[in-house]
Protein backbone atom coordinates (compact mmCIF):
# COMPACT_ATOMS: atom_id res chain seq x y z
CA MET A 1 10.26 -2.69 -10.64
CA ALA A 2 11.16 -5.38 -8.08
CA LEU A 3 8.69 -8.18 -7.68
CA SER A 4 8.17 -7.49 -3.99
CA GLY A 5 7.41 -3.83 -4.62
CA MET A 6 5.03 -4.72 -7.43
CA THR A 7 3.25 -7.23 -5.21
CA TYR A 8 2.66 -4.75 -2.41
CA SER A 9 1.45 -2.04 -4.81
CA MET A 10 -1.34 -4.26 -6.20
CA ASN A 11 -4.77 -4.49 -4.71
CA PRO A 12 -5.95 -8.04 -3.85
CA GLN A 13 -8.24 -8.28 -6.90
CA THR A 14 -5.48 -7.34 -9.35
CA PHE A 15 -3.06 -9.69 -7.62
CA ARG A 16 -5.48 -12.64 -7.92
CA GLU A 17 -6.12 -11.90 -11.59
CA ARG A 18 -2.40 -11.77 -12.40
CA LEU A 19 -1.79 -14.92 -10.33
CA ILE A 20 -4.52 -16.92 -12.13
CA SER A 21 -3.56 -15.66 -15.59
CA GLY A 22 0.10 -16.57 -15.11
CA LYS A 23 1.39 -13.01 -15.64
CA PHE A 24 2.64 -12.88 -12.07
CA PHE A 25 4.93 -15.87 -12.63
CA SER A 26 6.06 -14.56 -16.02
CA VAL A 27 7.34 -11.40 -14.35
CA TRP A 28 8.90 -13.42 -11.56
CA LEU A 29 10.65 -15.66 -14.10
CA ALA A 30 12.08 -12.63 -15.93
CA LEU A 31 13.68 -11.45 -12.68
CA LEU A 32 15.57 -14.70 -12.14
CA PRO A 33 19.21 -15.06 -13.21
CA GLU A 34 19.43 -16.02 -16.86
CA LYS A 35 21.03 -19.39 -16.13
CA TRP A 36 17.90 -20.46 -14.22
CA GLN A 37 15.35 -19.36 -16.79
CA HIS A 38 15.67 -22.53 -18.89
CA LEU A 39 13.80 -24.53 -16.25
CA PRO A 40 10.05 -25.03 -16.74
CA ILE A 41 8.00 -22.83 -14.44
CA TYR A 42 6.03 -25.78 -13.07
CA LEU A 43 9.25 -27.53 -12.05
CA ARG A 44 10.52 -24.57 -10.03
CA LEU A 45 7.14 -24.05 -8.39
CA TYR A 46 6.79 -27.72 -7.48
CA ALA A 47 10.32 -27.83 -6.06
CA ALA A 48 9.66 -24.68 -4.01
CA LEU A 49 6.40 -26.14 -2.67
CA LEU A 50 8.09 -29.46 -1.92
CA ILE A 51 10.95 -27.88 0.01
CA GLY A 52 8.56 -25.47 1.75
CA ALA A 53 6.29 -28.32 2.84
CA GLY A 54 9.30 -30.27 4.08
CA LEU A 55 10.53 -27.27 6.05
CA LEU A 56 7.09 -26.80 7.62
CA PHE A 57 7.07 -30.48 8.55
CA GLN A 58 10.50 -30.17 10.17
CA LEU A 59 9.40 -27.16 12.21
CA SER A 60 6.23 -28.83 13.45
CA TYR A 61 7.19 -32.51 13.85
CA PRO A 62 8.78 -33.44 17.20
CA ILE A 63 12.30 -34.77 17.43
CA VAL A 64 11.80 -38.52 17.73
CA LEU A 65 14.01 -40.24 20.28
CA LEU A 66 14.63 -43.48 18.44
CA ASP A 67 17.57 -44.17 20.73
CA SER A 68 19.67 -42.46 23.38
CA ASP A 69 22.21 -40.99 20.97
CA MET A 70 20.95 -37.40 21.11
CA TRP A 71 21.22 -37.32 24.90
CA TYR A 72 24.73 -38.73 24.64
CA HIS A 73 25.69 -36.02 22.14
CA LEU A 74 24.12 -33.30 24.31
CA ASP A 75 26.12 -34.56 27.27
CA GLY A 76 29.30 -34.60 25.18
CA GLY A 77 28.63 -31.02 24.11
CA ARG A 78 28.10 -29.91 27.70
CA TYR A 79 31.41 -31.54 28.61
CA PHE A 80 33.14 -29.65 25.81
CA TRP A 81 31.83 -26.25 26.92
CA GLU A 82 32.42 -26.94 30.61
CA TYR A 83 35.99 -28.26 30.40
CA GLY A 84 37.13 -26.71 27.10
CA THR A 85 38.37 -30.00 25.70
CA VAL A 86 37.01 -32.66 23.36
CA PRO A 87 35.48 -35.56 25.33
CA ASN A 88 37.39 -38.63 24.18
CA HIS A 89 36.91 -40.97 27.13
CA SER A 90 34.05 -42.68 28.93
CA PHE A 91 33.24 -39.77 31.24
CA PHE A 92 29.56 -40.75 31.03
CA SER A 93 30.03 -44.30 32.29
CA PHE A 94 31.18 -46.24 35.34
CA VAL A 95 33.33 -48.73 33.39
CA GLU A 96 36.81 -49.45 34.68
CA PRO A 97 39.37 -49.00 33.32
CA GLU A 98 38.26 -45.87 31.50
CA ARG A 99 37.86 -46.33 27.74
CA VAL A 100 39.39 -43.89 25.25
CA PHE A 101 37.90 -43.33 21.77
CA VAL A 102 38.17 -40.93 18.81
CA ASN A 103 35.36 -38.38 19.05
CA TYR A 104 34.99 -37.36 15.40
CA TYR A 105 31.59 -35.71 15.99
CA TRP A 106 32.63 -33.33 18.75
CA GLY A 107 31.69 -30.29 16.61
CA PHE A 108 28.12 -31.54 16.33
CA GLN A 109 28.01 -32.16 20.07
CA ALA A 110 29.25 -28.66 20.85
CA LEU A 111 26.75 -27.12 18.44
CA ILE A 112 23.63 -28.87 19.72
CA ALA A 113 24.62 -28.35 23.37
CA LYS A 114 24.97 -24.60 22.82
CA THR A 115 21.78 -24.54 20.74
CA TYR A 116 19.88 -26.29 23.53
CA GLU A 117 21.34 -23.94 26.13
CA LEU A 118 20.27 -20.84 24.19
CA GLY A 119 17.02 -22.00 22.57
CA GLY A 120 15.90 -25.10 24.43
CA TYR A 121 13.93 -27.78 22.64
CA TYR A 122 12.61 -25.37 20.02
CA GLY A 123 16.14 -24.31 19.24
CA LEU A 124 16.92 -27.93 18.38
CA LEU A 125 13.83 -28.07 16.15
CA LEU A 126 14.97 -24.94 14.35
CA LEU A 127 18.48 -26.34 13.89
CA ARG A 128 17.08 -29.57 12.43
CA ALA A 129 14.86 -27.61 10.04
CA LEU A 130 17.79 -25.42 8.97
CA ILE A 131 19.97 -28.43 8.20
CA PHE A 132 17.14 -29.96 6.18
CA ALA A 133 16.52 -26.75 4.22
CA LEU A 134 20.20 -26.27 3.36
CA THR A 135 20.56 -29.90 2.28
CA THR A 136 17.50 -29.98 0.05
CA VAL A 137 18.18 -26.58 -1.55
CA LEU A 138 21.74 -27.68 -2.29
CA ALA A 139 20.43 -30.95 -3.74
CA TYR A 140 18.05 -29.00 -5.95
CA ARG A 141 20.86 -26.76 -7.20
CA TYR A 142 23.14 -29.71 -7.88
CA ILE A 143 20.62 -32.12 -9.42
CA ILE A 144 18.20 -29.78 -11.22
CA GLU A 145 19.55 -26.31 -11.92
CA GLU A 146 22.99 -27.38 -13.10
CA ARG A 147 22.08 -30.72 -14.62
CA SER A 148 23.41 -32.16 -17.85
CA ARG A 149 21.36 -30.87 -20.78
CA HIS A 150 21.76 -34.19 -22.64
CA PHE A 151 19.04 -35.94 -20.61
CA PRO A 152 15.37 -35.12 -19.99
CA VAL A 153 14.79 -32.85 -17.03
CA LEU A 154 12.10 -35.24 -15.76
CA LEU A 155 14.73 -37.88 -14.96
CA PHE A 156 16.70 -35.41 -12.86
CA PHE A 157 13.56 -34.20 -11.16
CA LEU A 158 12.61 -37.76 -10.19
CA LEU A 159 16.11 -38.16 -8.80
CA PHE A 160 15.67 -34.98 -6.75
CA ILE A 161 12.32 -36.22 -5.38
CA ALA A 162 13.92 -39.55 -4.41
CA TYR A 163 16.77 -37.73 -2.65
CA PHE A 164 14.33 -35.37 -0.95
CA THR A 165 12.28 -38.33 0.31
CA PHE A 166 15.40 -40.02 1.66
CA ILE A 167 16.51 -36.87 3.50
CA GLU A 168 13.01 -36.18 4.86
CA GLY A 169 12.78 -39.68 6.27
CA ARG A 170 16.13 -39.41 8.04
CA VAL A 171 15.66 -36.15 9.93
CA VAL A 172 13.09 -37.14 12.55
CA SER A 173 15.96 -37.46 15.02
CA LEU A 174 18.87 -35.09 15.59
CA ARG A 175 22.15 -36.90 15.07
CA PRO A 176 25.50 -36.24 13.33
CA HIS A 177 24.43 -38.00 10.12
CA LEU A 178 22.37 -34.91 9.20
CA PHE A 179 25.56 -32.90 8.84
CA SER A 180 27.16 -35.80 6.99
CA HIS A 181 24.41 -35.62 4.35
CA LEU A 182 24.83 -31.87 4.02
CA PHE A 183 28.61 -31.77 3.80
CA ILE A 184 28.99 -34.81 1.53
CA LEU A 185 26.68 -33.09 -0.93
CA LEU A 186 28.50 -29.78 -0.44
CA PHE A 187 31.87 -31.41 -1.14
CA ILE A 188 30.58 -33.01 -4.35
CA TYR A 189 28.96 -29.75 -5.44
CA ILE A 190 32.16 -27.75 -4.92
CA LEU A 191 34.48 -30.33 -6.47
CA GLU A 192 32.32 -30.87 -9.57
CA ARG A 193 30.52 -27.54 -10.08
CA ARG A 194 32.49 -24.90 -8.18
CA PRO A 195 36.17 -25.98 -8.21
CA ARG A 196 37.28 -22.39 -7.52
CA TRP A 197 35.78 -22.79 -4.04
CA ALA A 198 37.96 -25.84 -3.26
CA PRO A 199 40.27 -23.92 -0.88
CA VAL A 200 37.40 -23.62 1.63
CA LEU A 201 36.92 -27.40 1.86
CA PRO A 202 39.44 -27.93 4.70
CA LEU A 203 37.34 -25.59 6.83
């Protein structure tokens, strides 16, 4: 029986008893893919709580305007959707002659401008939380679940916590570096752990 179905079929008293005794988590562990079952139950639970707490923080903590970059990127995204071309000149300034530059973050600009148009400020909060969740889950998969078995799991878990702390501290604002963190990790994960997926990297 699926775990969700079993959970809903229990009365609250039975559920609490199974939760306290550890039987609930034993059943849950048996339902996981076999390659994940070698991890200690406390490690998976702690990682899930850590990522869940970080996601809750991202959904509730305001986007901090440490500088004017986010407004600049929003303006660049609006330019992209309005004129259908990548903004690569100083359209936002009065400088003469006009300066030309390489806009390598135009995709981020287009994304946050459309997100703000459709969802407003809370849409940007949701986007930031989604980027954080994807990054930390991918870090967990790469560092913990598919780690080298020649070293103690505690060392890898401490590495994951350090990485998680670094990511958490860098996502109070909404800037292109958030996608850099995600895609750098994704590239490494595909190249080292999933080489059959390499053809999707150019996308």
